[in-house]
N, C-alpha and C. Protein backbone atom coordinates (compact mmCIF):
# COMPACT_ATOMS: atom_id res chain seq x y z
N MET A 1 -12.88 165.52 -18.42
CA MET A 1 -13.62 164.55 -20.02
C MET A 1 -12.03 165.50 -20.79
N ARG A 2 -11.76 165.89 -20.68
CA ARG A 2 -10.56 166.80 -21.97
C ARG A 2 -9.01 166.19 -22.02
N THR A 3 -9.12 165.07 -20.64
CA THR A 3 -7.79 164.23 -20.64
C THR A 3 -8.31 162.59 -21.29
N ILE A 4 -9.80 162.27 -21.21
CA ILE A 4 -10.62 161.60 -21.58
C ILE A 4 -9.97 161.45 -23.13
N GLY A 5 -9.71 162.39 -24.43
CA GLY A 5 -9.88 163.12 -24.87
C GLY A 5 -8.82 162.35 -25.67
N LEU A 6 -8.01 163.25 -24.94
CA LEU A 6 -6.33 163.29 -24.67
C LEU A 6 -5.91 161.68 -25.67
N LEU A 7 -6.36 161.52 -23.81
CA LEU A 7 -5.40 159.45 -23.86
C LEU A 7 -6.08 158.66 -25.38
N LEU A 8 -6.81 159.11 -25.47
CA LEU A 8 -8.04 158.43 -26.64
C LEU A 8 -7.39 158.59 -28.56
N LEU A 9 -6.96 159.95 -28.21
CA LEU A 9 -6.04 160.56 -30.00
C LEU A 9 -4.81 160.34 -29.29
N LEU A 10 -4.40 159.59 -28.15
CA LEU A 10 -3.21 159.19 -27.77
C LEU A 10 -3.12 157.58 -28.36
N VAL A 11 -4.00 157.15 -27.96
CA VAL A 11 -4.06 155.46 -28.35
C VAL A 11 -3.82 155.65 -29.42
N GLY A 12 -5.29 156.00 -30.72
CA GLY A 12 -5.52 155.85 -31.42
C GLY A 12 -3.93 156.54 -32.44
N ALA A 13 -3.21 157.64 -32.32
CA ALA A 13 -2.00 157.54 -33.05
C ALA A 13 -1.19 156.59 -32.93
N VAL A 14 -1.00 155.90 -31.23
CA VAL A 14 -0.02 154.88 -31.18
C VAL A 14 -0.48 153.27 -32.81
N ALA A 15 -1.52 153.22 -32.30
CA ALA A 15 -2.02 152.15 -33.90
C ALA A 15 -1.37 152.37 -34.94
N VAL A 16 -2.46 153.77 -35.55
CA VAL A 16 -1.46 153.78 -36.65
C VAL A 16 -0.45 153.81 -36.92
N ILE A 17 0.65 154.46 -35.58
CA ILE A 17 1.85 154.08 -35.65
C ILE A 17 2.52 152.68 -36.26
N ASN A 18 1.60 151.39 -35.01
CA ASN A 18 2.30 151.04 -35.37
C ASN A 18 1.53 149.22 -35.84
N ALA A 19 1.27 150.54 -37.32
CA ALA A 19 0.40 149.51 -38.78
C ALA A 19 1.56 148.46 -39.17
N ARG A 20 0.93 147.57 -39.22
CA ARG A 20 2.16 146.38 -39.89
C ARG A 20 1.49 145.79 -41.02
N GLN A 21 2.52 145.46 -42.12
CA GLN A 21 2.01 144.47 -43.66
C GLN A 21 1.42 143.18 -42.82
N ALA A 22 -0.02 143.65 -44.38
CA ALA A 22 -1.09 142.11 -43.76
C ALA A 22 -0.83 141.38 -44.03
N SER A 23 -0.58 140.19 -42.93
CA SER A 23 -0.13 138.59 -43.06
C SER A 23 -1.53 137.44 -43.51
N ALA A 24 -2.15 137.92 -44.55
CA ALA A 24 -2.31 137.18 -45.22
C ALA A 24 -2.51 137.74 -46.88
N GLU A 25 -1.40 138.55 -47.88
CA GLU A 25 -0.37 138.60 -48.08
C GLU A 25 -0.65 137.48 -49.52
N VAL A 26 -1.17 137.33 -50.33
CA VAL A 26 -1.01 136.19 -51.28
C VAL A 26 -0.73 136.52 -52.15
N TYR A 27 0.25 135.71 -52.55
CA TYR A 27 1.08 135.80 -53.83
C TYR A 27 0.52 134.30 -55.24
N ARG A 28 0.21 134.93 -56.35
CA ARG A 28 0.12 134.03 -57.40
C ARG A 28 1.21 133.97 -58.09
N PRO A 29 0.86 132.69 -58.89
CA PRO A 29 2.73 133.05 -59.70
C PRO A 29 1.87 132.93 -61.41
N TRP A 30 1.19 133.72 -61.27
CA TRP A 30 0.54 133.78 -63.77
C TRP A 30 -0.10 135.59 -63.47
N CYS A 31 0.66 136.41 -64.17
CA CYS A 31 -0.07 138.13 -64.25
C CYS A 31 -0.09 138.07 -65.66
N ALA A 32 -1.19 138.44 -65.53
CA ALA A 32 -2.27 139.43 -66.95
C ALA A 32 -2.04 140.53 -67.61
N GLN A 33 -1.26 140.49 -68.30
CA GLN A 33 -0.50 141.89 -68.61
C GLN A 33 -0.84 142.53 -69.73
N TYR A 34 -1.98 143.45 -69.57
CA TYR A 34 -2.95 144.17 -70.90
C TYR A 34 -2.31 145.65 -70.80
N THR A 35 -2.20 145.75 -72.87
CA THR A 35 -1.80 146.30 -73.08
C THR A 35 -3.21 147.87 -73.65
N GLY A 36 -2.53 148.99 -73.89
CA GLY A 36 -3.86 149.38 -74.62
C GLY A 36 -3.38 151.17 -75.09
N ALA A 37 -3.27 151.79 -76.34
CA ALA A 37 -3.86 153.24 -75.99
C ALA A 37 -3.26 154.31 -74.82
N ARG A 38 -4.14 153.61 -73.76
CA ARG A 38 -4.75 154.81 -72.94
C ARG A 38 -3.88 154.02 -71.48
N GLY A 39 -2.85 153.44 -72.21
CA GLY A 39 -2.18 152.57 -70.99
C GLY A 39 -2.59 151.08 -70.84
N GLY A 40 -2.23 150.62 -69.56
CA GLY A 40 -2.53 149.27 -68.79
C GLY A 40 -3.24 148.76 -67.99
N GLY A 41 -2.45 147.26 -66.65
CA GLY A 41 -2.87 147.15 -66.42
C GLY A 41 -2.37 146.31 -66.24
N THR A 42 -2.76 145.01 -64.76
CA THR A 42 -1.75 143.98 -64.29
C THR A 42 -2.63 143.08 -63.26
N ASN A 43 -3.11 142.26 -63.34
CA ASN A 43 -4.26 140.69 -62.82
C ASN A 43 -3.11 140.05 -62.05
N CYS A 44 -2.85 139.57 -60.90
CA CYS A 44 -1.88 138.94 -60.85
C CYS A 44 -2.54 138.10 -59.81
N GLY A 45 -3.61 137.17 -59.87
CA GLY A 45 -4.18 136.67 -59.41
C GLY A 45 -5.07 134.87 -60.25
N PHE A 46 -3.68 134.77 -61.29
CA PHE A 46 -4.86 133.53 -61.31
C PHE A 46 -3.01 132.29 -61.14
N THR A 47 -3.69 131.25 -60.74
CA THR A 47 -3.12 130.02 -60.14
C THR A 47 -1.85 128.99 -60.98
N SER A 48 -2.45 129.41 -62.21
CA SER A 48 -1.86 128.41 -63.38
C SER A 48 -2.19 128.60 -64.43
N TYR A 49 -1.13 128.44 -65.79
CA TYR A 49 -0.55 129.57 -66.87
C TYR A 49 -2.16 129.45 -68.19
N GLU A 50 -2.81 128.24 -68.06
CA GLU A 50 -3.99 127.67 -68.35
C GLU A 50 -4.36 129.02 -67.83
N GLN A 51 -5.79 129.36 -66.91
CA GLN A 51 -5.75 129.57 -65.94
C GLN A 51 -6.24 131.36 -66.73
N CYS A 52 -4.23 131.56 -66.78
CA CYS A 52 -4.54 132.73 -67.43
C CYS A 52 -5.00 133.27 -68.69
N ARG A 53 -4.35 132.37 -68.98
CA ARG A 53 -4.95 131.98 -70.74
C ARG A 53 -5.92 131.99 -71.33
N MET A 54 -7.05 131.90 -69.96
CA MET A 54 -8.43 131.60 -70.03
C MET A 54 -8.69 132.89 -70.15
N THR A 55 -8.28 133.77 -69.70
CA THR A 55 -8.86 135.31 -69.36
C THR A 55 -7.80 136.64 -70.20
N ALA A 56 -6.82 135.93 -69.96
CA ALA A 56 -5.72 136.76 -71.69
C ALA A 56 -6.21 135.74 -73.55
N THR A 57 -7.39 136.36 -73.51
CA THR A 57 -7.92 136.17 -74.89
C THR A 57 -7.64 136.44 -76.07
N PRO A 58 -7.37 136.64 -77.52
CA PRO A 58 -7.12 136.81 -78.03
C PRO A 58 -7.69 138.20 -78.26
N GLY A 59 -7.05 139.13 -78.66
CA GLY A 59 -8.12 139.68 -78.47
C GLY A 59 -8.21 141.32 -76.98
N SER A 60 -7.93 140.57 -76.60
CA SER A 60 -8.08 141.00 -75.30
C SER A 60 -6.84 142.55 -74.60
N GLY A 61 -5.84 142.16 -75.59
CA GLY A 61 -4.76 142.13 -75.11
C GLY A 61 -4.48 142.08 -73.87
N ALA A 62 -3.97 141.48 -73.43
CA ALA A 62 -3.71 140.44 -72.17
C ALA A 62 -1.94 139.62 -72.87
N VAL A 63 -1.38 139.74 -72.26
CA VAL A 63 -0.40 138.30 -72.08
C VAL A 63 -0.21 137.83 -71.22
N CYS A 64 0.38 136.43 -70.29
CA CYS A 64 0.70 135.90 -70.04
C CYS A 64 1.86 135.98 -69.45
N VAL A 65 2.27 136.33 -68.32
CA VAL A 65 3.36 136.46 -67.58
C VAL A 65 4.42 135.58 -66.82
N ARG A 66 5.13 135.83 -65.99
CA ARG A 66 5.25 135.21 -64.64
C ARG A 66 5.33 136.22 -63.57
N ASN A 67 5.22 135.82 -62.58
CA ASN A 67 4.60 137.78 -61.51
C ASN A 67 6.31 137.15 -60.81
N PRO A 68 7.14 138.15 -60.72
CA PRO A 68 7.68 138.71 -60.48
C PRO A 68 8.25 138.95 -59.09
N TRP A 69 7.09 138.78 -58.26
CA TRP A 69 7.11 138.51 -56.69
C TRP A 69 6.53 137.67 -56.02
N TYR A 70 6.06 136.18 -56.83
CA TYR A 70 5.77 135.50 -56.77
C TYR A 70 6.76 134.53 -56.80
N GLU A 71 8.04 134.73 -57.98
CA GLU A 71 9.22 134.10 -57.94
C GLU A 71 10.37 134.81 -56.38
N TYR A 72 10.27 135.72 -55.93
CA TYR A 72 10.57 135.92 -54.96
C TYR A 72 9.91 135.60 -53.58
N TYR A 73 8.95 136.35 -54.06
CA TYR A 73 8.11 136.22 -51.94
C TYR A 73 7.29 134.49 -51.93
N GLY A 74 7.91 133.64 -53.48
CA GLY A 74 6.45 132.74 -53.39
C GLY A 74 6.78 131.20 -52.78
N GLU A 75 5.62 130.85 -52.52
CA GLU A 75 5.65 129.62 -51.84
C GLU A 75 7.38 128.48 -51.41
N ARG A 76 7.64 128.87 -51.68
CA ARG A 76 8.73 127.82 -52.03
C ARG A 76 10.07 128.63 -51.41
N SER A 77 9.97 129.47 -51.39
CA SER A 77 10.83 130.66 -52.06
C SER A 77 11.39 130.96 -49.62
N ASN A 78 12.59 130.25 -50.19
CA ASN A 78 13.36 131.01 -48.43
C ASN A 78 13.70 132.25 -47.89
N VAL A 79 12.89 133.25 -48.04
CA VAL A 79 13.42 134.19 -48.48
C VAL A 79 12.72 135.09 -47.19
N ARG A 80 11.50 134.31 -47.95
CA ARG A 80 10.86 134.45 -46.06
C ARG A 80 11.20 134.07 -43.85
N ALA A 81 12.18 133.21 -44.54
CA ALA A 81 12.63 132.68 -43.41
C ALA A 81 13.62 132.95 -42.83
N ARG A 82 14.52 133.96 -43.76
CA ARG A 82 15.32 134.16 -43.50
C ARG A 82 15.20 135.62 -42.84
N TYR A 83 14.16 136.15 -43.51
CA TYR A 83 13.80 138.02 -42.82
C TYR A 83 12.89 137.36 -41.87
N ARG A 84 12.86 136.85 -40.51
CA ARG A 84 11.81 136.97 -39.99
C ARG A 84 12.33 136.64 -38.52
């Protein structure tokens, strides 16, 4: 019984060590950057500038900017092909 417990602990440790980046990670091209007195935030879930502008309406404290991660890792980037 003790051996089974140690074996399960070992298998669990190996599974955690072998963790990889999620392959379903998706980068969208537009971000809404929010500013305010107590900090701000970023929402990079927009596929078009128009979609971002619908969220970043006047008074929301947000502006639309290009997603720098999309610029580097986006759909048409060849960076992924080089490092696979």
